[in-house]
PDB file of N, CA and C in Angstrom:
ATOM      1  N   MET A   1      11.055   4.007 -17.851  1.00  0.00           N
ATOM      2  CA  MET A   1      10.385   4.555 -16.536  1.00  0.00           C
ATOM      3  C   MET A   1      10.556   3.048 -15.630  1.00  0.00           C
ATOM      4  N   LYS A   2      10.944   3.423 -14.493  1.00  0.00           N
ATOM      5  CA  LYS A   2      10.959   2.207 -13.481  1.00  0.00           C
ATOM      6  C   LYS A   2       9.614   1.801 -13.137  1.00  0.00           C
ATOM      7  N   GLU A   3       9.597   0.638 -12.905  1.00  0.00           N
ATOM      8  CA  GLU A   3       8.260  -0.056 -12.353  1.00  0.00           C
ATOM      9  C   GLU A   3       8.145   0.550 -10.946  1.00  0.00           C
ATOM     10  N   LEU A   4       6.986   0.553 -10.738  1.00  0.00           N
ATOM     11  CA  LEU A   4       6.586   1.163  -9.054  1.00  0.00           C
ATOM     12  C   LEU A   4       7.290   0.331  -7.962  1.00  0.00           C
ATOM     13  N   SER A   5       7.363  -0.864  -8.391  1.00  0.00           N
ATOM     14  CA  SER A   5       8.010  -1.811  -7.330  1.00  0.00           C
ATOM     15  C   SER A   5       9.411  -1.675  -6.746  1.00  0.00           C
ATOM     16  N   GLU A   6      10.273  -1.136  -8.269  1.00  0.00           N
ATOM     17  CA  GLU A   6      11.435  -0.735  -8.154  1.00  0.00           C
ATOM     18  C   GLU A   6      11.852   0.445  -7.643  1.00  0.00           C
ATOM     19  N   LYS A   7      10.721   1.612  -7.561  1.00  0.00           N
ATOM     20  CA  LYS A   7      11.152   2.761  -6.968  1.00  0.00           C
ATOM     21  C   LYS A   7      11.232   2.507  -5.119  1.00  0.00           C
ATOM     22  N   LYS A   8      11.768   3.905  -4.760  1.00  0.00           N
ATOM     23  CA  LYS A   8      11.937   3.880  -3.548  1.00  0.00           C
ATOM     24  C   LYS A   8      11.322   5.076  -2.946  1.00  0.00           C
ATOM     25  N   CYS A   9      10.392   5.154  -1.570  1.00  0.00           N
ATOM     26  CA  CYS A   9       9.706   6.049  -1.203  1.00  0.00           C
ATOM     27  C   CYS A   9      10.501   7.211  -0.715  1.00  0.00           C
ATOM     28  N   ALA A  10       9.774   8.496  -0.819  1.00  0.00           N
ATOM     29  CA  ALA A  10      10.317   9.620  -0.634  1.00  0.00           C
ATOM     30  C   ALA A  10       9.904  10.260   0.734  1.00  0.00           C
ATOM     31  N   PRO A  11      10.574  10.710   1.395  1.00  0.00           N
ATOM     32  CA  PRO A  11       9.938  11.259   2.943  1.00  0.00           C
ATOM     33  C   PRO A  11       8.936  12.164   2.671  1.00  0.00           C
ATOM     34  N   CYS A  12       7.690  12.087   3.165  1.00  0.00           N
ATOM     35  CA  CYS A  12       6.630  12.858   3.130  1.00  0.00           C
ATOM     36  C   CYS A  12       6.168  13.506   4.741  1.00  0.00           C
ATOM     37  N   GLU A  13       6.419  14.510   5.133  1.00  0.00           N
ATOM     38  CA  GLU A  13       5.851  15.171   6.185  1.00  0.00           C
ATOM     39  C   GLU A  13       4.910  16.223   6.255  1.00  0.00           C
ATOM     40  N   GLY A  14       4.313  15.935   4.895  1.00  0.00           N
ATOM     41  CA  GLY A  14       3.365  16.972   4.825  1.00  0.00           C
ATOM     42  C   GLY A  14       3.823  18.186   3.635  1.00  0.00           C
ATOM     43  N   GLY A  15       3.173  19.050   3.516  1.00  0.00           N
ATOM     44  CA  GLY A  15       3.486  20.160   2.692  1.00  0.00           C
ATOM     45  C   GLY A  15       3.275  19.870   1.144  1.00  0.00           C
ATOM     46  N   VAL A  16       2.605  18.803   0.917  1.00  0.00           N
ATOM     47  CA  VAL A  16       2.360  18.665  -0.452  1.00  0.00           C
ATOM     48  C   VAL A  16       0.934  18.091  -0.718  1.00  0.00           C
ATOM     49  N   LYS A  17       0.377  18.193  -1.984  1.00  0.00           N
ATOM     50  CA  LYS A  17      -1.077  17.851  -1.580  1.00  0.00           C
ATOM     51  C   LYS A  17      -1.288  16.415  -2.075  1.00  0.00           C
ATOM     52  N   PRO A  18      -2.370  15.877  -1.822  1.00  0.00           N
ATOM     53  CA  PRO A  18      -2.607  14.336  -2.114  1.00  0.00           C
ATOM     54  C   PRO A  18      -2.839  14.074  -3.817  1.00  0.00           C
ATOM     55  N   LEU A  19      -2.455  13.130  -4.288  1.00  0.00           N
ATOM     56  CA  LEU A  19      -2.626  12.877  -5.760  1.00  0.00           C
ATOM     57  C   LEU A  19      -4.075  12.979  -5.996  1.00  0.00           C
ATOM     58  N   LYS A  20      -4.297  13.669  -7.303  1.00  0.00           N
ATOM     59  CA  LYS A  20      -5.992  13.629  -7.763  1.00  0.00           C
ATOM     60  C   LYS A  20      -6.110  12.496  -8.208  1.00  0.00           C
ATOM     61  N   PRO A  21      -7.603  12.415  -8.117  1.00  0.00           N
ATOM     62  CA  PRO A  21      -8.288  11.253  -8.418  1.00  0.00           C
ATOM     63  C   PRO A  21      -7.963  10.542 -10.057  1.00  0.00           C
ATOM     64  N   ALA A  22      -7.499  11.688 -10.821  1.00  0.00           N
ATOM     65  CA  ALA A  22      -6.903  10.900 -12.175  1.00  0.00           C
ATOM     66  C   ALA A  22      -5.854  10.416 -12.191  1.00  0.00           C
ATOM     67  N   LYS A  23      -4.838  10.900 -11.083  1.00  0.00           N
ATOM     68  CA  LYS A  23      -3.738  10.001 -11.004  1.00  0.00           C
ATOM     69  C   LYS A  23      -3.610   9.000 -10.392  1.00  0.00           C
ATOM     70  N   VAL A  24      -4.384   8.908  -9.381  1.00  0.00           N
ATOM     71  CA  VAL A  24      -4.693   7.739  -8.495  1.00  0.00           C
ATOM     72  C   VAL A  24      -5.117   6.487  -9.821  1.00  0.00           C
ATOM     73  N   LYS A  25      -6.259   7.038 -10.495  1.00  0.00           N
ATOM     74  CA  LYS A  25      -6.731   5.752 -11.179  1.00  0.00           C
ATOM     75  C   LYS A  25      -5.776   5.535 -12.214  1.00  0.00           C
ATOM     76  N   LEU A  26      -4.680   6.124 -12.737  1.00  0.00           N
ATOM     77  CA  LEU A  26      -3.259   5.960 -13.780  1.00  0.00           C
ATOM     78  C   LEU A  26      -2.540   4.758 -12.961  1.00  0.00           C
ATOM     79  N   LEU A  27      -2.195   5.200 -11.654  1.00  0.00           N
ATOM     80  CA  LEU A  27      -1.501   4.682 -10.757  1.00  0.00           C
ATOM     81  C   LEU A  27      -1.868   3.020 -10.514  1.00  0.00           C
ATOM     82  N   ARG A  28      -3.148   3.087  -9.940  1.00  0.00           N
ATOM     83  CA  ARG A  28      -4.029   1.954  -9.761  1.00  0.00           C
ATOM     84  C   ARG A  28      -3.718   0.832 -10.691  1.00  0.00           C
ATOM     85  N   LYS A  29      -3.795   1.340 -12.149  1.00  0.00           N
ATOM     86  CA  LYS A  29      -3.861   0.361 -13.110  1.00  0.00           C
ATOM     87  C   LYS A  29      -2.396  -0.806 -13.202  1.00  0.00           C
ATOM     88  N   GLN A  30      -1.412  -0.022 -12.330  1.00  0.00           N
ATOM     89  CA  GLN A  30      -0.272  -0.739 -12.296  1.00  0.00           C
ATOM     90  C   GLN A  30       0.037  -1.755 -11.152  1.00  0.00           C
ATOM     91  N   LEU A  31      -1.122  -1.727 -10.527  1.00  0.00           N
ATOM     92  CA  LEU A  31      -1.024  -2.582  -9.315  1.00  0.00           C
ATOM     93  C   LEU A  31      -2.053  -4.147  -9.675  1.00  0.00           C
ATOM     94  N   HIS A  32      -2.199  -4.977  -8.811  1.00  0.00           N
ATOM     95  CA  HIS A  32      -2.809  -6.107  -8.709  1.00  0.00           C
ATOM     96  C   HIS A  32      -4.148  -5.647  -8.851  1.00  0.00           C
ATOM     97  N   LYS A  33      -5.192  -6.469  -9.241  1.00  0.00           N
ATOM     98  CA  LYS A  33      -6.574  -6.221  -9.572  1.00  0.00           C
ATOM     99  C   LYS A  33      -7.423  -5.792  -8.404  1.00  0.00           C
ATOM    100  N   ASP A  34      -6.908  -6.817  -7.275  1.00  0.00           N
ATOM    101  CA  ASP A  34      -7.675  -6.845  -6.123  1.00  0.00           C
ATOM    102  C   ASP A  34      -7.428  -5.225  -5.106  1.00  0.00           C
ATOM    103  N   TRP A  35      -6.715  -4.485  -5.712  1.00  0.00           N
ATOM    104  CA  TRP A  35      -6.547  -2.982  -4.776  1.00  0.00           C
ATOM    105  C   TRP A  35      -7.680  -2.426  -5.015  1.00  0.00           C
ATOM    106  N   LYS A  36      -8.416  -1.871  -4.000  1.00  0.00           N
ATOM    107  CA  LYS A  36      -9.440  -0.929  -4.231  1.00  0.00           C
ATOM    108  C   LYS A  36      -9.156   0.468  -3.614  1.00  0.00           C
ATOM    109  N   ILE A  37      -9.737   1.620  -4.327  1.00  0.00           N
ATOM    110  CA  ILE A  37      -9.411   2.796  -3.832  1.00  0.00           C
ATOM    111  C   ILE A  37     -10.722   3.167  -3.328  1.00  0.00           C
ATOM    112  N   ALA A  38     -10.559   3.981  -2.337  1.00  0.00           N
ATOM    113  CA  ALA A  38     -11.634   4.574  -1.364  1.00  0.00           C
ATOM    114  C   ALA A  38     -12.351   5.286  -2.237  1.00  0.00           C
ATOM    115  N   LYS A  39     -13.668   5.585  -2.105  1.00  0.00           N
ATOM    116  CA  LYS A  39     -14.636   6.708  -2.790  1.00  0.00           C
ATOM    117  C   LYS A  39     -14.142   8.251  -2.997  1.00  0.00           C
ATOM    118  N   ASP A  40     -13.519   8.434  -1.638  1.00  0.00           N
ATOM    119  CA  ASP A  40     -12.810   9.718  -1.613  1.00  0.00           C
ATOM    120  C   ASP A  40     -11.614  10.029  -2.164  1.00  0.00           C
ATOM    121  N   SER A  41     -10.869   8.716  -2.605  1.00  0.00           N
ATOM    122  CA  SER A  41      -9.694   8.590  -3.369  1.00  0.00           C
ATOM    123  C   SER A  41      -8.519   8.988  -2.256  1.00  0.00           C
ATOM    124  N   LYS A  42      -8.815   8.608  -1.128  1.00  0.00           N
ATOM    125  CA  LYS A  42      -7.863   8.946   0.153  1.00  0.00           C
ATOM    126  C   LYS A  42      -7.257   7.831   0.624  1.00  0.00           C
ATOM    127  N   SER A  43      -7.460   6.656   0.182  1.00  0.00           N
ATOM    128  CA  SER A  43      -6.819   5.468   0.509  1.00  0.00           C
ATOM    129  C   SER A  43      -6.974   4.317  -0.269  1.00  0.00           C
ATOM    130  N   LEU A  44      -5.752   3.400  -0.181  1.00  0.00           N
ATOM    131  CA  LEU A  44      -5.878   2.226  -1.296  1.00  0.00           C
ATOM    132  C   LEU A  44      -6.010   0.823  -0.260  1.00  0.00           C
ATOM    133  N   THR A  45      -6.806  -0.002  -0.806  1.00  0.00           N
ATOM    134  CA  THR A  45      -6.873  -1.190   0.195  1.00  0.00           C
ATOM    135  C   THR A  45      -6.833  -2.583  -0.421  1.00  0.00           C
ATOM    136  N   ARG A  46      -6.531  -3.499   0.201  1.00  0.00           N
ATOM    137  CA  ARG A  46      -6.230  -4.583  -0.308  1.00  0.00           C
ATOM    138  C   ARG A  46      -6.527  -6.002   0.457  1.00  0.00           C
ATOM    139  N   SER A  47      -7.479  -6.872   0.487  1.00  0.00           N
ATOM    140  CA  SER A  47      -7.833  -7.838   1.357  1.00  0.00           C
ATOM    141  C   SER A  47      -7.053  -9.341   0.882  1.00  0.00           C
ATOM    142  N   LEU A  48      -6.291  -9.861   1.552  1.00  0.00           N
ATOM    143  CA  LEU A  48      -5.587 -11.129   1.265  1.00  0.00           C
ATOM    144  C   LEU A  48      -6.031 -12.229   2.082  1.00  0.00           C
ATOM    145  N   LYS A  49      -6.060 -13.404   1.624  1.00  0.00           N
ATOM    146  CA  LYS A  49      -6.584 -14.702   2.375  1.00  0.00           C
ATOM    147  C   LYS A  49      -5.488 -15.516   2.202  1.00  0.00           C
ATOM    148  N   PHE A  50      -5.093 -16.327   3.223  1.00  0.00           N
ATOM    149  CA  PHE A  50      -3.980 -17.241   3.685  1.00  0.00           C
ATOM    150  C   PHE A  50      -4.493 -18.657   3.910  1.00  0.00           C
ATOM    151  N   LYS A  51      -4.053 -19.766   3.798  1.00  0.00           N
ATOM    152  CA  LYS A  51      -4.359 -21.212   4.308  1.00  0.00           C
ATOM    153  C   LYS A  51      -4.357 -21.350   5.840  1.00  0.00           C
ATOM    154  N   ASP A  52      -3.425 -20.637   6.339  1.00  0.00           N
ATOM    155  CA  ASP A  52      -3.422 -20.608   7.928  1.00  0.00           C
ATOM    156  C   ASP A  52      -2.902 -19.335   8.710  1.00  0.00           C
ATOM    157  N   PHE A  53      -2.650 -19.632   9.733  1.00  0.00           N
ATOM    158  CA  PHE A  53      -2.082 -18.319  10.666  1.00  0.00           C
ATOM    159  C   PHE A  53      -0.847 -18.060  10.397  1.00  0.00           C
ATOM    160  N   TYR A  54      -0.011 -19.008  10.383  1.00  0.00           N
ATOM    161  CA  TYR A  54       1.516 -19.229   9.899  1.00  0.00           C
ATOM    162  C   TYR A  54       1.683 -18.269   8.826  1.00  0.00           C
ATOM    163  N   ARG A  55       1.014 -18.716   7.733  1.00  0.00           N
ATOM    164  CA  ARG A  55       1.267 -18.041   6.413  1.00  0.00           C
ATOM    165  C   ARG A  55       0.915 -16.404   6.426  1.00  0.00           C
ATOM    166  N   THR A  56      -0.199 -16.417   7.011  1.00  0.00           N
ATOM    167  CA  THR A  56      -0.641 -15.175   7.352  1.00  0.00           C
ATOM    168  C   THR A  56       0.255 -14.186   8.173  1.00  0.00           C
ATOM    169  N   MET A  57       0.783 -14.574   9.173  1.00  0.00           N
ATOM    170  CA  MET A  57       1.985 -14.054   9.801  1.00  0.00           C
ATOM    171  C   MET A  57       3.313 -13.867   9.245  1.00  0.00           C
ATOM    172  N   SER A  58       3.582 -14.956   8.431  1.00  0.00           N
ATOM    173  CA  SER A  58       4.680 -14.978   7.641  1.00  0.00           C
ATOM    174  C   SER A  58       4.564 -13.506   6.388  1.00  0.00           C
ATOM    175  N   PHE A  59       3.557 -13.594   5.927  1.00  0.00           N
ATOM    176  CA  PHE A  59       2.929 -12.287   5.200  1.00  0.00           C
ATOM    177  C   PHE A  59       3.419 -11.308   5.669  1.00  0.00           C
ATOM    178  N   VAL A  60       2.523 -10.867   6.893  1.00  0.00           N
ATOM    179  CA  VAL A  60       2.569  -9.659   7.658  1.00  0.00           C
ATOM    180  C   VAL A  60       4.191  -9.456   8.226  1.00  0.00           C
ATOM    181  N   ASN A  61       4.926 -10.308   8.449  1.00  0.00           N
ATOM    182  CA  ASN A  61       6.278  -9.930   8.861  1.00  0.00           C
ATOM    183  C   ASN A  61       7.010  -9.503   7.390  1.00  0.00           C
ATOM    184  N   ALA A  62       6.677 -10.022   6.335  1.00  0.00           N
ATOM    185  CA  ALA A  62       7.433  -9.562   5.217  1.00  0.00           C
ATOM    186  C   ALA A  62       7.060  -8.244   4.900  1.00  0.00           C
ATOM    187  N   LEU A  63       5.602  -7.972   4.968  1.00  0.00           N
ATOM    188  CA  LEU A  63       5.097  -6.924   4.637  1.00  0.00           C
ATOM    189  C   LEU A  63       5.680  -5.417   5.612  1.00  0.00           C
ATOM    190  N   GLY A  64       5.827  -6.017   6.893  1.00  0.00           N
ATOM    191  CA  GLY A  64       6.616  -5.031   7.748  1.00  0.00           C
ATOM    192  C   GLY A  64       8.088  -4.859   7.702  1.00  0.00           C
ATOM    193  N   HIS A  65       8.716  -5.623   6.939  1.00  0.00           N
ATOM    194  CA  HIS A  65      10.050  -5.415   6.683  1.00  0.00           C
ATOM    195  C   HIS A  65       9.997  -4.384   5.548  1.00  0.00           C
ATOM    196  N   ILE A  66       9.076  -4.576   4.713  1.00  0.00           N
ATOM    197  CA  ILE A  66       9.077  -3.749   3.326  1.00  0.00           C
ATOM    198  C   ILE A  66       8.744  -2.061   3.947  1.00  0.00           C
ATOM    199  N   ALA A  67       7.675  -2.184   4.869  1.00  0.00           N
ATOM    200  CA  ALA A  67       7.541  -0.723   5.488  1.00  0.00           C
ATOM    201  C   ALA A  67       8.172  -0.217   6.180  1.00  0.00           C
ATOM    202  N   ASN A  68       9.151  -0.848   6.952  1.00  0.00           N
ATOM    203  CA  ASN A  68      10.187  -0.338   7.512  1.00  0.00           C
ATOM    204  C   ASN A  68      11.393   0.088   6.946  1.00  0.00           C
ATOM    205  N   THR A  69      11.619  -0.420   5.766  1.00  0.00           N
ATOM    206  CA  THR A  69      12.655  -0.238   4.604  1.00  0.00           C
ATOM    207  C   THR A  69      12.199   1.091   4.131  1.00  0.00           C
ATOM    208  N   GLU A  70      11.055   1.150   3.678  1.00  0.00           N
ATOM    209  CA  GLU A  70      10.689   2.255   3.079  1.00  0.00           C
ATOM    210  C   GLU A  70      10.375   3.382   3.998  1.00  0.00           C
ATOM    211  N   ASP A  71       9.877   3.070   5.133  1.00  0.00           N
ATOM    212  CA  ASP A  71       9.720   4.194   6.151  1.00  0.00           C
ATOM    213  C   ASP A  71       8.290   4.694   5.602  1.00  0.00           C
ATOM    214  N   HIS A  72       7.164   3.706   5.312  1.00  0.00           N
ATOM    215  CA  HIS A  72       5.897   4.202   4.878  1.00  0.00           C
ATOM    216  C   HIS A  72       5.287   3.048   5.198  1.00  0.00           C
ATOM    217  N   HIS A  73       4.359   3.318   6.345  1.00  0.00           N
ATOM    218  CA  HIS A  73       3.923   1.943   6.969  1.00  0.00           C
ATOM    219  C   HIS A  73       2.123   2.078   7.036  1.00  0.00           C
ATOM    220  N   PRO A  74       1.668   0.908   6.425  1.00  0.00           N
ATOM    221  CA  PRO A  74       0.083   0.763   6.047  1.00  0.00           C
ATOM    222  C   PRO A  74      -0.815   0.269   7.687  1.00  0.00           C
ATOM    223  N   ASP A  75      -1.851   0.757   7.419  1.00  0.00           N
ATOM    224  CA  ASP A  75      -2.876   0.328   8.377  1.00  0.00           C
ATOM    225  C   ASP A  75      -3.113  -1.134   8.179  1.00  0.00           C
ATOM    226  N   MET A  76      -3.023  -2.172   9.115  1.00  0.00           N
ATOM    227  CA  MET A  76      -3.339  -3.365   8.704  1.00  0.00           C
ATOM    228  C   MET A  76      -4.406  -4.091   9.842  1.00  0.00           C
ATOM    229  N   GLU A  77      -5.263  -4.991   9.466  1.00  0.00           N
ATOM    230  CA  GLU A  77      -6.394  -5.856  10.138  1.00  0.00           C
ATOM    231  C   GLU A  77      -5.895  -7.185   9.747  1.00  0.00           C
ATOM    232  N   VAL A  78      -5.583  -7.825  10.778  1.00  0.00           N
ATOM    233  CA  VAL A  78      -4.954  -9.298  10.685  1.00  0.00           C
ATOM    234  C   VAL A  78      -5.832 -10.199  11.786  1.00  0.00           C
ATOM    235  N   GLY A  79      -5.847 -11.402  11.057  1.00  0.00           N
ATOM    236  CA  GLY A  79      -6.459 -12.472  11.864  1.00  0.00           C
ATOM    237  C   GLY A  79      -6.368 -13.963  11.208  1.00  0.00           C
ATOM    238  N   TYR A  80      -6.620 -15.025  11.686  1.00  0.00           N
ATOM    239  CA  TYR A  80      -6.810 -16.128  11.138  1.00  0.00           C
ATOM    240  C   TYR A  80      -7.188 -16.315   9.564  1.00  0.00           C
ATOM    241  N   GLY A  81      -5.830 -16.499   9.058  1.00  0.00           N
ATOM    242  CA  GLY A  81      -6.250 -16.769   7.538  1.00  0.00           C
ATOM    243  C   GLY A  81      -6.334 -15.498   6.512  1.00  0.00           C
ATOM    244  N   TYR A  82      -6.268 -14.056   7.339  1.00  0.00           N
ATOM    245  CA  TYR A  82      -6.473 -13.006   6.425  1.00  0.00           C
ATOM    246  C   TYR A  82      -5.767 -11.699   6.872  1.00  0.00           C
ATOM    247  N   CYS A  83      -5.376 -10.819   5.945  1.00  0.00           N
ATOM    248  CA  CYS A  83      -4.976  -9.760   6.437  1.00  0.00           C
ATOM    249  C   CYS A  83      -5.217  -8.583   5.318  1.00  0.00           C
ATOM    250  N   ARG A  84      -6.049  -7.559   6.008  1.00  0.00           N
ATOM    251  CA  ARG A  84      -6.407  -6.560   5.247  1.00  0.00           C
ATOM    252  C   ARG A  84      -5.280  -5.072   5.298  1.00  0.00           C
ATOM    253  N   VAL A  85      -5.022  -4.568   4.065  1.00  0.00           N
ATOM    254  CA  VAL A  85      -4.038  -3.875   3.904  1.00  0.00           C
ATOM    255  C   VAL A  85      -4.396  -2.582   3.570  1.00  0.00           C
ATOM    256  N   THR A  86      -4.147  -1.377   4.306  1.00  0.00           N
ATOM    257  CA  THR A  86      -4.665  -0.075   3.557  1.00  0.00           C
ATOM    258  C   THR A  86      -3.391   0.825   3.897  1.00  0.00           C
ATOM    259  N   PHE A  87      -3.334   1.539   2.596  1.00  0.00           N
ATOM    260  CA  PHE A  87      -2.280   2.617   2.594  1.00  0.00           C
ATOM    261  C   PHE A  87      -2.818   3.997   2.383  1.00  0.00           C
ATOM    262  N   SER A  88      -2.338   4.821   3.066  1.00  0.00           N
ATOM    263  CA  SER A  88      -2.729   6.336   3.108  1.00  0.00           C
ATOM    264  C   SER A  88      -1.498   6.973   3.562  1.00  0.00           C
ATOM    265  N   THR A  89      -1.350   8.173   3.004  1.00  0.00           N
ATOM    266  CA  THR A  89      -0.148   9.390   3.450  1.00  0.00           C
ATOM    267  C   THR A  89      -0.842  10.134   4.409  1.00  0.00           C
ATOM    268  N   HIS A  90      -1.065   9.701   5.929  1.00  0.00           N
ATOM    269  CA  HIS A  90      -1.793  10.470   6.764  1.00  0.00           C
ATOM    270  C   HIS A  90      -1.165  11.937   6.954  1.00  0.00           C
ATOM    271  N   ALA A  91       0.194  12.124   6.786  1.00  0.00           N
ATOM    272  CA  ALA A  91       0.771  13.468   6.685  1.00  0.00           C
ATOM    273  C   ALA A  91       0.074  14.691   5.792  1.00  0.00           C
ATOM    274  N   ILE A  92      -0.697  13.880   4.563  1.00  0.00           N
ATOM    275  CA  ILE A  92      -1.170  14.883   3.702  1.00  0.00           C
ATOM    276  C   ILE A  92      -2.560  14.708   3.308  1.00  0.00           C
ATOM    277  N   GLY A  93      -3.311  13.608   4.386  1.00  0.00           N
ATOM    278  CA  GLY A  93      -4.503  13.298   4.342  1.00  0.00           C
ATOM    279  C   GLY A  93      -5.136  12.842   3.105  1.00  0.00           C
ATOM    280  N   GLY A  94      -4.248  11.947   2.287  1.00  0.00           N
ATOM    281  CA  GLY A  94      -4.555  11.173   1.195  1.00  0.00           C
ATOM    282  C   GLY A  94      -3.390  10.395   0.537  1.00  0.00           C
ATOM    283  N   LEU A  95      -3.754  10.282  -0.705  1.00  0.00           N
ATOM    284  CA  LEU A  95      -2.747   9.249  -1.377  1.00  0.00           C
ATOM    285  C   LEU A  95      -1.614  10.146  -1.977  1.00  0.00           C
ATOM    286  N   SER A  96      -0.293   9.499  -1.827  1.00  0.00           N
ATOM    287  CA  SER A  96       0.716   9.830  -2.452  1.00  0.00           C
ATOM    288  C   SER A  96       1.152   8.600  -3.138  1.00  0.00           C
ATOM    289  N   VAL A  97       2.532   8.899  -4.105  1.00  0.00           N
ATOM    290  CA  VAL A  97       3.273   7.876  -4.908  1.00  0.00           C
ATOM    291  C   VAL A  97       3.729   6.956  -3.938  1.00  0.00           C
ATOM    292  N   ASN A  98       4.270   7.119  -2.657  1.00  0.00           N
ATOM    293  CA  ASN A  98       4.657   6.274  -1.658  1.00  0.00           C
ATOM    294  C   ASN A  98       3.813   5.059  -1.677  1.00  0.00           C
ATOM    295  N   ASP A  99       2.541   5.445  -1.250  1.00  0.00           N
ATOM    296  CA  ASP A  99       1.346   4.409  -1.190  1.00  0.00           C
ATOM    297  C   ASP A  99       1.424   3.091  -2.462  1.00  0.00           C
ATOM    298  N   PHE A 100       1.496   3.728  -3.670  1.00  0.00           N
ATOM    299  CA  PHE A 100       1.467   2.978  -4.745  1.00  0.00           C
ATOM    300  C   PHE A 100       2.825   2.136  -4.666  1.00  0.00           C
ATOM    301  N   ILE A 101       3.953   2.823  -4.301  1.00  0.00           N
ATOM    302  CA  ILE A 101       5.140   2.011  -4.318  1.00  0.00           C
ATOM    303  C   ILE A 101       5.042   0.890  -3.290  1.00  0.00           C
ATOM    304  N   CYS A 102       4.437   1.085  -2.265  1.00  0.00           N
ATOM    305  CA  CYS A 102       4.479   0.291  -1.345  1.00  0.00           C
ATOM    306  C   CYS A 102       3.451  -1.165  -1.696  1.00  0.00           C
ATOM    307  N   ALA A 103       2.280  -0.531  -2.261  1.00  0.00           N
ATOM    308  CA  ALA A 103       1.412  -1.630  -2.792  1.00  0.00           C
ATOM    309  C   ALA A 103       1.955  -2.307  -3.720  1.00  0.00           C
ATOM    310  N   ALA A 104       2.799  -1.804  -4.774  1.00  0.00           N
ATOM    311  CA  ALA A 104       3.413  -2.554  -5.859  1.00  0.00           C
ATOM    312  C   ALA A 104       4.549  -3.650  -5.014  1.00  0.00           C
ATOM    313  N   LYS A 105       5.234  -3.235  -4.233  1.00  0.00           N
ATOM    314  CA  LYS A 105       5.835  -4.081  -3.456  1.00  0.00           C
ATOM    315  C   LYS A 105       5.316  -5.180  -2.736  1.00  0.00           C
ATOM    316  N   LEU A 106       4.279  -4.909  -2.194  1.00  0.00           N
ATOM    317  CA  LEU A 106       3.406  -5.774  -1.533  1.00  0.00           C
ATOM    318  C   LEU A 106       2.764  -6.918  -2.700  1.00  0.00           C
ATOM    319  N   ASP A 107       2.389  -6.542  -3.637  1.00  0.00           N
ATOM    320  CA  ASP A 107       2.188  -7.459  -4.929  1.00  0.00           C
ATOM    321  C   ASP A 107       3.062  -8.405  -5.077  1.00  0.00           C
ATOM    322  N   ARG A 108       4.335  -7.960  -5.137  1.00  0.00           N
ATOM    323  CA  ARG A 108       5.502  -9.031  -5.298  1.00  0.00           C
ATOM    324  C   ARG A 108       5.729 -10.206  -4.232  1.00  0.00           C
ATOM    325  N   LEU A 109       4.982  -9.939  -2.955  1.00  0.00           N
ATOM    326  CA  LEU A 109       5.376 -11.018  -2.170  1.00  0.00           C
ATOM    327  C   LEU A 109       4.483 -12.034  -2.539  1.00  0.00           C
TER     328      LEU A 109
END
């Protein structure tokens, strides 16, 4: 079985159900320990700290490249020395495998 970070996101325009909480917990185990699942299991968030603004923006640009390549885009909160990243598949109102694929790719940065 391929690792999440080696997979490619599949287009999602809705019409599928969000992952069930049990599947969310299973996939979460394959990610960095800092990823947090929302209580309603509809989003996945990680906060990262950086030494300075330059490193923060380098990370944001690298994540932007991944998001565009995968055509799956996170919500981000960015400031001096930090970036908070949240994945959720808005078209289905919850988490999909795509969110975990992109989170795993972020972990490799």
